[in-house]
PDB file of N, CA and C in Angstrom:
ATOM      1  N   MET A   1     103.819 113.670 128.883  1.00  0.00           N
ATOM      2  CA  MET A   1     102.451 113.467 128.560  1.00  0.00           C
ATOM      3  C   MET A   1     101.447 113.184 129.548  1.00  0.00           C
ATOM      4  N   MET A   2     100.089 113.468 129.620  1.00  0.00           N
ATOM      5  CA  MET A   2      99.081 113.240 130.508  1.00  0.00           C
ATOM      6  C   MET A   2      98.449 112.192 129.761  1.00  0.00           C
ATOM      7  N   THR A   3      98.066 110.911 131.071  1.00  0.00           N
ATOM      8  CA  THR A   3      97.161 110.080 130.579  1.00  0.00           C
ATOM      9  C   THR A   3      95.910 110.207 130.688  1.00  0.00           C
ATOM     10  N   ILE A   4      95.125 109.267 130.256  1.00  0.00           N
ATOM     11  CA  ILE A   4      93.515 109.238 130.827  1.00  0.00           C
ATOM     12  C   ILE A   4      93.781 109.063 132.669  1.00  0.00           C
ATOM     13  N   GLY A   5      94.260 108.329 132.741  1.00  0.00           N
ATOM     14  CA  GLY A   5      94.530 108.083 134.199  1.00  0.00           C
ATOM     15  C   GLY A   5      94.697 109.381 134.991  1.00  0.00           C
ATOM     16  N   ASP A   6      95.478 110.318 134.522  1.00  0.00           N
ATOM     17  CA  ASP A   6      96.038 111.396 135.278  1.00  0.00           C
ATOM     18  C   ASP A   6      94.664 112.433 134.900  1.00  0.00           C
ATOM     19  N   ILE A   7      93.949 112.253 134.125  1.00  0.00           N
ATOM     20  CA  ILE A   7      92.899 113.360 133.810  1.00  0.00           C
ATOM     21  C   ILE A   7      91.675 113.038 134.407  1.00  0.00           C
ATOM     22  N   VAL A   8      91.307 111.409 134.548  1.00  0.00           N
ATOM     23  CA  VAL A   8      90.460 111.178 135.457  1.00  0.00           C
ATOM     24  C   VAL A   8      90.609 111.529 136.889  1.00  0.00           C
ATOM     25  N   ALA A   9      92.093 111.380 137.428  1.00  0.00           N
ATOM     26  CA  ALA A   9      92.455 111.840 138.830  1.00  0.00           C
ATOM     27  C   ALA A   9      92.129 113.281 139.023  1.00  0.00           C
ATOM     28  N   LEU A  10      92.296 113.969 138.270  1.00  0.00           N
ATOM     29  CA  LEU A  10      92.329 115.244 138.121  1.00  0.00           C
ATOM     30  C   LEU A  10      90.727 115.769 138.207  1.00  0.00           C
ATOM     31  N   ALA A  11      89.994 115.217 137.366  1.00  0.00           N
ATOM     32  CA  ALA A  11      88.324 114.961 137.334  1.00  0.00           C
ATOM     33  C   ALA A  11      88.116 114.678 138.952  1.00  0.00           C
ATOM     34  N   LYS A  12      88.417 114.347 139.543  1.00  0.00           N
ATOM     35  CA  LYS A  12      87.992 113.400 140.635  1.00  0.00           C
ATOM     36  C   LYS A  12      88.192 114.444 141.838  1.00  0.00           C
ATOM     37  N   ALA A  13      89.494 115.240 141.508  1.00  0.00           N
ATOM     38  CA  ALA A  13      90.218 115.955 142.365  1.00  0.00           C
ATOM     39  C   ALA A  13      89.435 117.120 142.318  1.00  0.00           C
ATOM     40  N   GLY A  14      88.417 117.255 141.534  1.00  0.00           N
ATOM     41  CA  GLY A  14      87.348 118.639 141.639  1.00  0.00           C
ATOM     42  C   GLY A  14      88.081 119.540 140.424  1.00  0.00           C
ATOM     43  N   TYR A  15      89.008 119.421 139.484  1.00  0.00           N
ATOM     44  CA  TYR A  15      89.414 120.165 138.451  1.00  0.00           C
ATOM     45  C   TYR A  15      88.153 120.488 137.240  1.00  0.00           C
ATOM     46  N   LYS A  16      88.094 121.363 136.898  1.00  0.00           N
ATOM     47  CA  LYS A  16      87.025 121.414 135.603  1.00  0.00           C
ATOM     48  C   LYS A  16      87.417 121.128 134.435  1.00  0.00           C
ATOM     49  N   PRO A  17      86.921 121.347 133.376  1.00  0.00           N
ATOM     50  CA  PRO A  17      87.406 120.510 132.184  1.00  0.00           C
ATOM     51  C   PRO A  17      88.229 121.757 131.594  1.00  0.00           C
ATOM     52  N   ALA A  18      87.906 122.780 131.575  1.00  0.00           N
ATOM     53  CA  ALA A  18      88.930 123.789 131.496  1.00  0.00           C
ATOM     54  C   ALA A  18      90.128 124.290 131.815  1.00  0.00           C
ATOM     55  N   ASP A  19      90.093 123.584 133.097  1.00  0.00           N
ATOM     56  CA  ASP A  19      91.704 123.645 134.071  1.00  0.00           C
ATOM     57  C   ASP A  19      92.482 122.514 133.445  1.00  0.00           C
ATOM     58  N   VAL A  20      91.631 121.177 133.325  1.00  0.00           N
ATOM     59  CA  VAL A  20      92.131 120.043 132.835  1.00  0.00           C
ATOM     60  C   VAL A  20      93.100 120.591 131.471  1.00  0.00           C
ATOM     61  N   LYS A  21      91.957 121.331 130.723  1.00  0.00           N
ATOM     62  CA  LYS A  21      92.709 121.685 129.220  1.00  0.00           C
ATOM     63  C   LYS A  21      93.808 122.362 129.503  1.00  0.00           C
ATOM     64  N   GLU A  22      93.916 123.277 130.417  1.00  0.00           N
ATOM     65  CA  GLU A  22      94.842 124.009 130.733  1.00  0.00           C
ATOM     66  C   GLU A  22      96.155 123.308 130.914  1.00  0.00           C
ATOM     67  N   LEU A  23      95.911 122.537 131.922  1.00  0.00           N
ATOM     68  CA  LEU A  23      97.210 121.761 132.044  1.00  0.00           C
ATOM     69  C   LEU A  23      97.897 120.767 131.279  1.00  0.00           C
ATOM     70  N   ILE A  24      97.068 120.375 130.000  1.00  0.00           N
ATOM     71  CA  ILE A  24      97.442 119.684 129.159  1.00  0.00           C
ATOM     72  C   ILE A  24      98.331 120.631 128.157  1.00  0.00           C
ATOM     73  N   GLU A  25      97.749 121.404 127.990  1.00  0.00           N
ATOM     74  CA  GLU A  25      98.564 122.526 126.941  1.00  0.00           C
ATOM     75  C   GLU A  25      99.754 122.887 127.703  1.00  0.00           C
ATOM     76  N   MET A  26      99.884 123.312 128.999  1.00  0.00           N
ATOM     77  CA  MET A  26     101.349 123.493 129.710  1.00  0.00           C
ATOM     78  C   MET A  26     102.216 122.377 129.491  1.00  0.00           C
ATOM     79  N   THR A  27     101.560 121.257 129.577  1.00  0.00           N
ATOM     80  CA  THR A  27     102.300 119.931 129.752  1.00  0.00           C
ATOM     81  C   THR A  27     102.718 119.910 128.190  1.00  0.00           C
ATOM     82  N   LYS A  28     102.149 120.037 127.152  1.00  0.00           N
ATOM     83  CA  LYS A  28     102.783 120.192 125.574  1.00  0.00           C
ATOM     84  C   LYS A  28     103.603 121.130 125.499  1.00  0.00           C
ATOM     85  N   GLU A  29     103.679 122.301 126.099  1.00  0.00           N
ATOM     86  CA  GLU A  29     104.302 123.544 125.988  1.00  0.00           C
ATOM     87  C   GLU A  29     106.049 123.086 126.492  1.00  0.00           C
ATOM     88  N   GLU A  30     105.276 122.613 127.633  1.00  0.00           N
ATOM     89  CA  GLU A  30     107.072 122.175 128.600  1.00  0.00           C
ATOM     90  C   GLU A  30     107.696 121.045 127.776  1.00  0.00           C
ATOM     91  N   GLU A  31     107.082 120.071 127.141  1.00  0.00           N
ATOM     92  CA  GLU A  31     107.509 118.975 126.263  1.00  0.00           C
ATOM     93  C   GLU A  31     108.134 119.509 124.902  1.00  0.00           C
ATOM     94  N   LYS A  32     108.076 120.855 124.557  1.00  0.00           N
ATOM     95  CA  LYS A  32     108.441 121.093 123.381  1.00  0.00           C
ATOM     96  C   LYS A  32     109.182 121.930 123.643  1.00  0.00           C
ATOM     97  N   ASP A  33     109.484 122.675 124.848  1.00  0.00           N
ATOM     98  CA  ASP A  33     110.943 123.502 125.368  1.00  0.00           C
ATOM     99  C   ASP A  33     111.888 122.329 125.526  1.00  0.00           C
ATOM    100  N   ILE A  34     111.522 121.324 126.342  1.00  0.00           N
ATOM    101  CA  ILE A  34     112.582 120.364 126.755  1.00  0.00           C
ATOM    102  C   ILE A  34     113.050 119.983 125.360  1.00  0.00           C
ATOM    103  N   ALA A  35     112.278 119.368 124.380  1.00  0.00           N
ATOM    104  CA  ALA A  35     112.712 118.860 123.439  1.00  0.00           C
ATOM    105  C   ALA A  35     113.572 119.989 122.364  1.00  0.00           C
ATOM    106  N   ASP A  36     113.196 121.180 122.259  1.00  0.00           N
ATOM    107  CA  ASP A  36     114.315 122.301 121.688  1.00  0.00           C
ATOM    108  C   ASP A  36     115.450 122.652 122.375  1.00  0.00           C
ATOM    109  N   THR A  37     115.249 122.483 123.704  1.00  0.00           N
ATOM    110  CA  THR A  37     116.747 122.551 124.474  1.00  0.00           C
ATOM    111  C   THR A  37     117.541 121.414 124.087  1.00  0.00           C
ATOM    112  N   SER A  38     117.012 120.157 124.526  1.00  0.00           N
ATOM    113  CA  SER A  38     117.779 118.884 123.597  1.00  0.00           C
ATOM    114  C   SER A  38     118.323 119.118 122.633  1.00  0.00           C
ATOM    115  N   ASN A  39     117.655 119.580 121.485  1.00  0.00           N
ATOM    116  CA  ASN A  39     118.145 119.420 120.185  1.00  0.00           C
ATOM    117  C   ASN A  39     119.068 120.275 119.985  1.00  0.00           C
ATOM    118  N   SER A  40     118.786 121.491 120.649  1.00  0.00           N
ATOM    119  CA  SER A  40     120.122 122.506 120.303  1.00  0.00           C
ATOM    120  C   SER A  40     121.302 122.222 120.903  1.00  0.00           C
ATOM    121  N   ALA A  41     121.289 121.828 121.929  1.00  0.00           N
ATOM    122  CA  ALA A  41     122.635 120.988 122.760  1.00  0.00           C
ATOM    123  C   ALA A  41     122.988 120.082 121.878  1.00  0.00           C
ATOM    124  N   ASN A  42     122.577 119.345 121.346  1.00  0.00           N
ATOM    125  CA  ASN A  42     123.156 118.241 120.618  1.00  0.00           C
ATOM    126  C   ASN A  42     123.593 118.622 119.034  1.00  0.00           C
ATOM    127  N   ASP A  43     123.015 119.748 118.512  1.00  0.00           N
ATOM    128  CA  ASP A  43     123.187 120.307 117.163  1.00  0.00           C
ATOM    129  C   ASP A  43     124.390 121.061 117.241  1.00  0.00           C
ATOM    130  N   ASP A  44     124.978 121.485 118.446  1.00  0.00           N
ATOM    131  CA  ASP A  44     126.270 122.402 118.680  1.00  0.00           C
ATOM    132  C   ASP A  44     127.122 121.231 119.084  1.00  0.00           C
ATOM    133  N   PRO A  45     128.173 121.365 118.190  1.00  0.00           N
ATOM    134  CA  PRO A  45     129.471 120.076 118.265  1.00  0.00           C
ATOM    135  C   PRO A  45     130.627 120.755 119.180  1.00  0.00           C
ATOM    136  N   SER A  46     130.550 122.297 119.282  1.00  0.00           N
ATOM    137  CA  SER A  46     131.567 122.828 120.178  1.00  0.00           C
ATOM    138  C   SER A  46     131.464 122.508 121.794  1.00  0.00           C
ATOM    139  N   GLU A  47     130.082 122.250 122.212  1.00  0.00           N
ATOM    140  CA  GLU A  47     129.933 121.878 123.508  1.00  0.00           C
ATOM    141  C   GLU A  47     130.141 120.277 123.686  1.00  0.00           C
ATOM    142  N   PRO A  48     130.523 119.660 124.512  1.00  0.00           N
ATOM    143  CA  PRO A  48     130.236 118.095 125.014  1.00  0.00           C
ATOM    144  C   PRO A  48     129.189 118.001 125.443  1.00  0.00           C
ATOM    145  N   ALA A  49     128.463 116.785 125.167  1.00  0.00           N
ATOM    146  CA  ALA A  49     127.434 116.253 125.847  1.00  0.00           C
ATOM    147  C   ALA A  49     127.419 116.234 127.088  1.00  0.00           C
ATOM    148  N   ALA A  50     126.542 116.715 128.109  1.00  0.00           N
ATOM    149  CA  ALA A  50     126.769 116.226 129.412  1.00  0.00           C
ATOM    150  C   ALA A  50     126.162 114.988 129.782  1.00  0.00           C
ATOM    151  N   GLU A  51     127.206 114.328 130.914  1.00  0.00           N
ATOM    152  CA  GLU A  51     127.414 113.148 130.931  1.00  0.00           C
ATOM    153  C   GLU A  51     126.663 113.221 132.547  1.00  0.00           C
ATOM    154  N   VAL A  52     125.769 112.085 132.909  1.00  0.00           N
ATOM    155  CA  VAL A  52     125.233 112.072 134.226  1.00  0.00           C
ATOM    156  C   VAL A  52     126.264 110.985 134.791  1.00  0.00           C
ATOM    157  N   SER A  53     127.008 111.047 135.773  1.00  0.00           N
ATOM    158  CA  SER A  53     127.549 110.394 136.787  1.00  0.00           C
ATOM    159  C   SER A  53     126.758 109.231 137.410  1.00  0.00           C
ATOM    160  N   PRO A  54     127.178 108.072 137.839  1.00  0.00           N
ATOM    161  CA  PRO A  54     126.300 107.518 138.604  1.00  0.00           C
ATOM    162  C   PRO A  54     126.394 107.692 139.982  1.00  0.00           C
ATOM    163  N   SER A  55     127.192 108.419 140.752  1.00  0.00           N
ATOM    164  CA  SER A  55     127.309 109.060 142.033  1.00  0.00           C
ATOM    165  C   SER A  55     126.314 110.108 142.090  1.00  0.00           C
ATOM    166  N   ALA A  56     126.112 110.843 141.019  1.00  0.00           N
ATOM    167  CA  ALA A  56     125.195 111.975 140.601  1.00  0.00           C
ATOM    168  C   ALA A  56     123.655 111.426 140.798  1.00  0.00           C
ATOM    169  N   SER A  57     123.555 110.448 139.996  1.00  0.00           N
ATOM    170  CA  SER A  57     122.077 109.922 140.051  1.00  0.00           C
ATOM    171  C   SER A  57     121.995 109.024 140.847  1.00  0.00           C
ATOM    172  N   ALA A  58     122.557 108.741 142.150  1.00  0.00           N
ATOM    173  CA  ALA A  58     121.965 107.831 143.015  1.00  0.00           C
ATOM    174  C   ALA A  58     121.180 109.085 143.955  1.00  0.00           C
ATOM    175  N   ALA A  59     120.256 108.097 144.435  1.00  0.00           N
ATOM    176  CA  ALA A  59     119.149 108.758 144.735  1.00  0.00           C
ATOM    177  C   ALA A  59     119.658 109.211 146.456  1.00  0.00           C
ATOM    178  N   PRO A  60     119.344 110.158 147.059  1.00  0.00           N
ATOM    179  CA  PRO A  60     119.628 110.887 148.427  1.00  0.00           C
ATOM    180  C   PRO A  60     119.348 109.937 149.514  1.00  0.00           C
ATOM    181  N   ASP A  61     118.588 109.127 149.327  1.00  0.00           N
ATOM    182  CA  ASP A  61     117.826 108.604 150.547  1.00  0.00           C
ATOM    183  C   ASP A  61     118.474 107.058 150.458  1.00  0.00           C
ATOM    184  N   GLU A  62     119.747 106.726 149.923  1.00  0.00           N
ATOM    185  CA  GLU A  62     120.398 105.526 150.141  1.00  0.00           C
ATOM    186  C   GLU A  62     121.674 106.308 151.036  1.00  0.00           C
ATOM    187  N   THR A  63     121.879 106.857 151.678  1.00  0.00           N
ATOM    188  CA  THR A  63     122.774 107.326 153.025  1.00  0.00           C
ATOM    189  C   THR A  63     123.291 106.110 153.184  1.00  0.00           C
ATOM    190  N   GLU A  64     124.503 105.856 153.978  1.00  0.00           N
ATOM    191  CA  GLU A  64     124.567 104.920 154.535  1.00  0.00           C
ATOM    192  C   GLU A  64     124.409 105.195 156.461  1.00  0.00           C
ATOM    193  N   ASP A  65     123.766 104.210 156.707  1.00  0.00           N
ATOM    194  CA  ASP A  65     123.494 104.246 158.258  1.00  0.00           C
ATOM    195  C   ASP A  65     124.425 103.403 159.177  1.00  0.00           C
ATOM    196  N   ASP A  66     124.902 103.991 159.647  1.00  0.00           N
ATOM    197  CA  ASP A  66     126.155 103.585 160.917  1.00  0.00           C
ATOM    198  C   ASP A  66     125.279 103.045 161.981  1.00  0.00           C
ATOM    199  N   THR A  67     124.184 103.264 162.530  1.00  0.00           N
ATOM    200  CA  THR A  67     123.669 103.013 163.398  1.00  0.00           C
ATOM    201  C   THR A  67     123.902 101.424 163.724  1.00  0.00           C
ATOM    202  N   ASP A  68     124.100 101.016 164.995  1.00  0.00           N
ATOM    203  CA  ASP A  68     124.395  99.443 165.745  1.00  0.00           C
ATOM    204  C   ASP A  68     122.719  99.494 166.365  1.00  0.00           C
ATOM    205  N   TYR A  69     122.142  98.798 165.741  1.00  0.00           N
ATOM    206  CA  TYR A  69     120.565  98.367 166.209  1.00  0.00           C
ATOM    207  C   TYR A  69     120.700  97.166 167.291  1.00  0.00           C
ATOM    208  N   LYS A  70     121.760  96.710 166.852  1.00  0.00           N
ATOM    209  CA  LYS A  70     121.727  95.382 167.909  1.00  0.00           C
ATOM    210  C   LYS A  70     122.119  96.058 169.396  1.00  0.00           C
ATOM    211  N   ALA A  71     123.329  96.933 169.113  1.00  0.00           N
ATOM    212  CA  ALA A  71     123.592  97.539 170.744  1.00  0.00           C
ATOM    213  C   ALA A  71     122.393  98.423 170.961  1.00  0.00           C
ATOM    214  N   LEU A  72     121.517  98.974 170.344  1.00  0.00           N
ATOM    215  CA  LEU A  72     120.558  99.692 170.813  1.00  0.00           C
ATOM    216  C   LEU A  72     119.548  99.225 171.404  1.00  0.00           C
ATOM    217  N   TYR A  73     119.424  97.843 170.982  1.00  0.00           N
ATOM    218  CA  TYR A  73     118.344  96.891 171.411  1.00  0.00           C
ATOM    219  C   TYR A  73     118.726  96.101 172.739  1.00  0.00           C
ATOM    220  N   GLU A  74     120.134  95.870 172.781  1.00  0.00           N
ATOM    221  CA  GLU A  74     120.526  95.325 174.327  1.00  0.00           C
ATOM    222  C   GLU A  74     120.453  96.434 174.936  1.00  0.00           C
ATOM    223  N   GLN A  75     120.889  97.583 174.916  1.00  0.00           N
ATOM    224  CA  GLN A  75     120.887  98.944 176.072  1.00  0.00           C
ATOM    225  C   GLN A  75     119.389  99.053 176.438  1.00  0.00           C
ATOM    226  N   ALA A  76     118.343  98.890 175.213  1.00  0.00           N
ATOM    227  CA  ALA A  76     116.807  99.069 175.815  1.00  0.00           C
ATOM    228  C   ALA A  76     116.375  97.961 176.590  1.00  0.00           C
ATOM    229  N   LYS A  77     116.956  96.529 176.221  1.00  0.00           N
ATOM    230  CA  LYS A  77     116.437  95.671 177.109  1.00  0.00           C
ATOM    231  C   LYS A  77     116.825  96.035 178.445  1.00  0.00           C
ATOM    232  N   LYS A  78     118.476  96.057 178.993  1.00  0.00           N
ATOM    233  CA  LYS A  78     118.843  96.372 180.295  1.00  0.00           C
ATOM    234  C   LYS A  78     117.952  97.451 180.884  1.00  0.00           C
ATOM    235  N   ASP A  79     117.835  98.498 180.115  1.00  0.00           N
ATOM    236  CA  ASP A  79     116.947  99.977 181.198  1.00  0.00           C
ATOM    237  C   ASP A  79     115.768  99.150 181.463  1.00  0.00           C
ATOM    238  N   LEU A  80     115.068  98.214 180.529  1.00  0.00           N
ATOM    239  CA  LEU A  80     113.966  97.726 180.916  1.00  0.00           C
ATOM    240  C   LEU A  80     113.568  96.991 181.914  1.00  0.00           C
ATOM    241  N   ALA A  81     115.014  95.948 182.213  1.00  0.00           N
ATOM    242  CA  ALA A  81     115.207  94.951 183.351  1.00  0.00           C
ATOM    243  C   ALA A  81     115.497  95.866 184.281  1.00  0.00           C
ATOM    244  N   THR A  82     116.316  96.653 184.205  1.00  0.00           N
ATOM    245  CA  THR A  82     116.331  97.877 185.424  1.00  0.00           C
ATOM    246  C   THR A  82     114.980  98.328 186.005  1.00  0.00           C
ATOM    247  N   ALA A  83     114.531  99.031 185.030  1.00  0.00           N
ATOM    248  CA  ALA A  83     112.949  99.968 185.732  1.00  0.00           C
ATOM    249  C   ALA A  83     111.959  98.463 185.986  1.00  0.00           C
ATOM    250  N   GLN A  84     112.174  97.484 185.638  1.00  0.00           N
ATOM    251  CA  GLN A  84     111.284  96.239 186.346  1.00  0.00           C
ATOM    252  C   GLN A  84     111.649  95.980 187.341  1.00  0.00           C
ATOM    253  N   LYS A  85     112.923  95.774 187.736  1.00  0.00           N
ATOM    254  CA  LYS A  85     113.485  95.865 189.304  1.00  0.00           C
ATOM    255  C   LYS A  85     112.982  96.810 189.901  1.00  0.00           C
ATOM    256  N   GLU A  86     113.087  97.743 189.680  1.00  0.00           N
ATOM    257  CA  GLU A  86     112.657  99.173 190.328  1.00  0.00           C
ATOM    258  C   GLU A  86     111.192  99.169 190.942  1.00  0.00           C
ATOM    259  N   ASN A  87     110.468  98.709 189.368  1.00  0.00           N
ATOM    260  CA  ASN A  87     109.013  98.740 190.035  1.00  0.00           C
ATOM    261  C   ASN A  87     108.382  97.581 191.228  1.00  0.00           C
ATOM    262  N   VAL A  88     109.466  96.433 191.167  1.00  0.00           N
ATOM    263  CA  VAL A  88     108.515  95.373 191.880  1.00  0.00           C
ATOM    264  C   VAL A  88     108.941  96.033 193.538  1.00  0.00           C
ATOM    265  N   ASN A  89     110.345  96.667 193.906  1.00  0.00           N
ATOM    266  CA  ASN A  89     110.390  96.880 195.056  1.00  0.00           C
ATOM    267  C   ASN A  89     109.758  97.983 195.477  1.00  0.00           C
ATOM    268  N   LYS A  90     108.775  99.022 194.520  1.00  0.00           N
ATOM    269  CA  LYS A  90     108.493 100.343 195.020  1.00  0.00           C
ATOM    270  C   LYS A  90     107.327 100.053 195.745  1.00  0.00           C
ATOM    271  N   ASP A  91     107.023 101.134 196.879  1.00  0.00           N
ATOM    272  CA  ASP A  91     106.223 101.015 197.689  1.00  0.00           C
ATOM    273  C   ASP A  91     105.014 101.450 196.912  1.00  0.00           C
ATOM    274  N   ILE A  92     103.668 100.803 197.071  1.00  0.00           N
ATOM    275  CA  ILE A  92     102.687 101.629 196.086  1.00  0.00           C
ATOM    276  C   ILE A  92     101.512 101.925 196.864  1.00  0.00           C
ATOM    277  N   SER A  93     101.732 101.920 198.430  1.00  0.00           N
ATOM    278  CA  SER A  93     100.760 101.977 199.361  1.00  0.00           C
ATOM    279  C   SER A  93     100.425 103.376 199.470  1.00  0.00           C
ATOM    280  N   SER A  94      99.201 103.552 200.048  1.00  0.00           N
ATOM    281  CA  SER A  94      99.183 105.313 199.929  1.00  0.00           C
ATOM    282  C   SER A  94      99.029 105.359 201.388  1.00  0.00           C
ATOM    283  N   GLU A  95      98.733 106.974 201.776  1.00  0.00           N
ATOM    284  CA  GLU A  95      98.562 107.420 203.255  1.00  0.00           C
ATOM    285  C   GLU A  95      97.439 106.889 204.145  1.00  0.00           C
ATOM    286  N   GLU A  96      96.366 106.611 202.901  1.00  0.00           N
ATOM    287  CA  GLU A  96      95.303 105.900 203.559  1.00  0.00           C
ATOM    288  C   GLU A  96      95.268 104.596 203.944  1.00  0.00           C
ATOM    289  N   ASP A  97      96.161 104.054 203.666  1.00  0.00           N
ATOM    290  CA  ASP A  97      96.419 102.386 204.033  1.00  0.00           C
ATOM    291  C   ASP A  97      97.327 102.496 204.971  1.00  0.00           C
ATOM    292  N   ASN A  98      98.071 103.401 205.392  1.00  0.00           N
ATOM    293  CA  ASN A  98      98.411 103.445 206.715  1.00  0.00           C
ATOM    294  C   ASN A  98      98.148 103.357 207.835  1.00  0.00           C
ATOM    295  N   GLN A  99      97.270 102.377 208.025  1.00  0.00           N
ATOM    296  CA  GLN A  99      96.457 102.689 209.673  1.00  0.00           C
ATOM    297  C   GLN A  99      96.918 101.551 210.026  1.00  0.00           C
ATOM    298  N   SER A 100      96.923 101.726 211.083  1.00  0.00           N
ATOM    299  CA  SER A 100      97.536 100.940 212.409  1.00  0.00           C
ATOM    300  C   SER A 100      96.353  99.558 212.259  1.00  0.00           C
ATOM    301  N   ASP A 101      97.080  98.897 212.857  1.00  0.00           N
ATOM    302  CA  ASP A 101      95.935  97.555 213.173  1.00  0.00           C
ATOM    303  C   ASP A 101      95.330  97.742 214.488  1.00  0.00           C
ATOM    304  N   ALA A 102      95.383  98.579 215.223  1.00  0.00           N
ATOM    305  CA  ALA A 102      94.737  98.820 216.334  1.00  0.00           C
ATOM    306  C   ALA A 102      93.645  99.564 215.948  1.00  0.00           C
ATOM    307  N   ASP A 103      94.053 100.836 214.829  1.00  0.00           N
ATOM    308  CA  ASP A 103      92.776 101.746 214.095  1.00  0.00           C
ATOM    309  C   ASP A 103      91.962 101.017 213.497  1.00  0.00           C
ATOM    310  N   ILE A 104      92.420  99.739 212.706  1.00  0.00           N
ATOM    311  CA  ILE A 104      91.214  99.186 211.926  1.00  0.00           C
ATOM    312  C   ILE A 104      90.654  98.510 213.027  1.00  0.00           C
ATOM    313  N   ILE A 105      90.690  98.046 214.210  1.00  0.00           N
ATOM    314  CA  ILE A 105      90.212  96.895 215.222  1.00  0.00           C
ATOM    315  C   ILE A 105      89.029  98.354 216.060  1.00  0.00           C
ATOM    316  N   LYS A 106      89.436  99.251 215.893  1.00  0.00           N
ATOM    317  CA  LYS A 106      88.498 100.299 216.568  1.00  0.00           C
ATOM    318  C   LYS A 106      87.579 100.651 215.600  1.00  0.00           C
ATOM    319  N   ASP A 107      87.576 100.711 214.428  1.00  0.00           N
ATOM    320  CA  ASP A 107      86.611 100.976 213.359  1.00  0.00           C
ATOM    321  C   ASP A 107      85.998  99.717 212.956  1.00  0.00           C
ATOM    322  N   LEU A 108      86.206  98.400 213.080  1.00  0.00           N
ATOM    323  CA  LEU A 108      85.442  97.335 213.147  1.00  0.00           C
ATOM    324  C   LEU A 108      84.472  97.418 214.236  1.00  0.00           C
ATOM    325  N   ILE A 109      84.814  97.749 215.494  1.00  0.00           N
ATOM    326  CA  ILE A 109      84.123  97.723 216.655  1.00  0.00           C
ATOM    327  C   ILE A 109      83.066  98.684 216.474  1.00  0.00           C
ATOM    328  N   LYS A 110      83.263  99.927 215.871  1.00  0.00           N
ATOM    329  CA  LYS A 110      82.527 100.927 215.872  1.00  0.00           C
ATOM    330  C   LYS A 110      81.317 100.716 214.866  1.00  0.00           C
ATOM    331  N   GLU A 111      81.204 100.119 213.818  1.00  0.00           N
ATOM    332  CA  GLU A 111      80.449  99.689 212.677  1.00  0.00           C
ATOM    333  C   GLU A 111      79.616  98.592 213.706  1.00  0.00           C
ATOM    334  N   PHE A 112      79.882  98.076 214.280  1.00  0.00           N
ATOM    335  CA  PHE A 112      78.855  97.333 215.163  1.00  0.00           C
ATOM    336  C   PHE A 112      78.330  97.697 216.036  1.00  0.00           C
ATOM    337  N   MET A 113      78.509  98.369 216.832  1.00  0.00           N
ATOM    338  CA  MET A 113      77.988  99.118 217.556  1.00  0.00           C
ATOM    339  C   MET A 113      77.075 100.434 217.216  1.00  0.00           C
TER     340      MET A 113
END
């Protein structure tokens, strides 16, 4: 059954009053069909009532997760430490900075002359 909040949400979404009435009629028909099928299943004594097992009703989201997050954290921590050590010893100078001391002094002298 549609509540007033559902109808308001549909109106905000751009549904026209005719569309909302049609949806209400469809839900009423579905409820009648569900009620008819449940009544006919309960009226027939030759068929046992369907029981819902607890395992079948469990949500599929509740799967067991065997991931060891502590081990993953420790491995990431080790990888980070290794990367940081490599970055400390890495040569970051460019080719432009590889001028010899003599070249730097020559450039200084040229600027003054």
